[in-house]
Amino acid sequence: KGLGKVGAKKRHRRVIRENNQGITKPAIRRLARRGGVKRTLSGLVYDETRNVLKVFLESVVRDAVTYTEHAKRETVTALDVVYALKRQG
């Protein structure tokens, strides 16, 4: 009782399976080039990059959803994501 429209939603959060293999080797290579890496990458770099990216995105999405819930909305807006990214630093 008294959960409101946001409280009821929290109970049914879906757990997403491991699907970070969608970040391909060429995509990671392009990110490295943009970051200033000129030479080829070690094979271990790809899995580590996927893990770091996953942690970063989870944090950003969590913050964006927090902003959305605080505003009593059900749709995450672009501004929510911008504020979440600014909060990351």
Protein backbone atom coordinates (compact mmCIF):
# COMPACT_ATOMS: atom_id res chain seq x y z
CA LYS A 1 0.00 0.00 0.00
CA GLY A 2 1.23 3.48 -0.83
CA LEU A 3 3.85 2.32 -3.34
CA GLY A 4 2.62 4.61 -6.12
CA LYS A 5 3.42 4.03 -9.75
CA VAL A 6 7.20 3.93 -9.26
CA GLY A 7 7.26 1.53 -6.30
CA ALA A 8 5.25 -1.09 -8.13
CA LYS A 9 7.66 -0.98 -11.07
CA LYS A 10 10.72 -1.64 -8.92
CA ARG A 11 9.52 -5.16 -8.09
CA HIS A 12 9.63 -6.30 -11.71
CA ARG A 13 13.08 -5.23 -12.84
CA ARG A 14 14.35 -7.56 -15.54
CA VAL A 15 17.79 -9.15 -15.27
CA ILE A 16 19.68 -8.87 -18.54
CA ARG A 17 21.96 -11.75 -19.53
CA GLU A 18 25.64 -11.40 -20.40
CA ASN A 19 25.65 -9.93 -23.89
CA ASN A 20 28.75 -7.75 -23.92
CA GLN A 21 30.12 -9.77 -26.85
CA GLY A 22 28.08 -7.35 -28.97
CA ILE A 23 31.02 -4.94 -28.55
CA THR A 24 33.10 -6.26 -31.44
CA LYS A 25 36.87 -6.29 -31.83
CA PRO A 26 36.76 -3.71 -34.63
CA ALA A 27 34.62 -1.42 -32.46
CA ILE A 28 37.16 -1.64 -29.62
CA ARG A 29 39.97 -1.03 -32.11
CA ARG A 30 38.18 2.11 -33.37
CA LEU A 31 37.77 3.37 -29.80
CA ALA A 32 41.49 2.78 -29.20
CA ARG A 33 42.39 4.68 -32.38
CA ARG A 34 40.20 7.58 -31.27
CA GLY A 35 41.97 7.48 -27.91
CA GLY A 36 45.38 7.76 -29.57
CA VAL A 37 46.57 4.13 -29.78
CA LYS A 38 48.55 3.66 -33.00
CA ARG A 39 49.75 0.06 -32.73
CA THR A 40 47.90 -3.25 -32.66
CA LEU A 41 46.21 -4.40 -29.46
CA SER A 42 46.92 -7.50 -27.38
CA GLY A 43 44.22 -10.16 -27.32
CA LEU A 44 43.65 -9.61 -23.59
CA VAL A 45 42.73 -5.97 -24.16
CA TYR A 46 39.38 -6.78 -25.75
CA ASP A 47 37.83 -8.67 -22.82
CA GLU A 48 39.17 -6.15 -20.33
CA THR A 49 37.75 -3.27 -22.38
CA ARG A 50 34.36 -4.99 -22.55
CA ASN A 51 34.34 -5.40 -18.76
CA VAL A 52 35.33 -1.78 -18.09
CA LEU A 53 32.75 -0.52 -20.59
CA LYS A 54 30.06 -2.69 -18.99
CA VAL A 55 30.79 -1.29 -15.51
CA PHE A 56 30.80 2.29 -16.83
CA LEU A 57 27.52 1.87 -18.73
CA GLU A 58 25.82 0.19 -15.77
CA SER A 59 26.76 3.16 -13.62
CA VAL A 60 25.52 5.71 -16.17
CA VAL A 61 22.24 3.85 -16.74
CA ARG A 62 21.68 3.48 -12.99
CA ASP A 63 22.15 7.24 -12.49
CA ALA A 64 19.91 8.08 -15.47
CA VAL A 65 17.14 5.83 -14.14
CA THR A 66 17.52 7.43 -10.71
CA TYR A 67 16.99 10.88 -12.26
CA THR A 68 13.94 9.56 -14.13
CA GLU A 69 12.41 7.98 -11.03
CA HIS A 70 13.01 11.12 -9.00
CA ALA A 71 11.11 13.15 -11.60
CA LYS A 72 8.26 10.57 -11.36
CA ARG A 73 8.55 9.69 -15.03
CA GLU A 74 8.69 6.32 -16.73
CA THR A 75 10.69 7.40 -19.77
CA VAL A 76 14.41 8.13 -19.58
CA THR A 77 15.09 11.34 -21.49
CA ALA A 78 18.29 12.47 -23.18
CA LEU A 79 18.77 15.06 -20.42
CA ASP A 80 18.69 12.30 -17.79
CA VAL A 81 21.58 10.61 -19.59
CA VAL A 82 23.46 13.92 -19.98
CA TYR A 83 23.15 14.64 -16.26
CA ALA A 84 24.22 11.07 -15.42
CA LEU A 85 27.30 11.45 -17.66
CA LYS A 86 28.16 14.81 -16.07
CA ARG A 87 27.92 13.19 -12.65
CA GLN A 88 30.47 10.55 -13.74
CA GLY A 89 33.02 13.28 -14.32
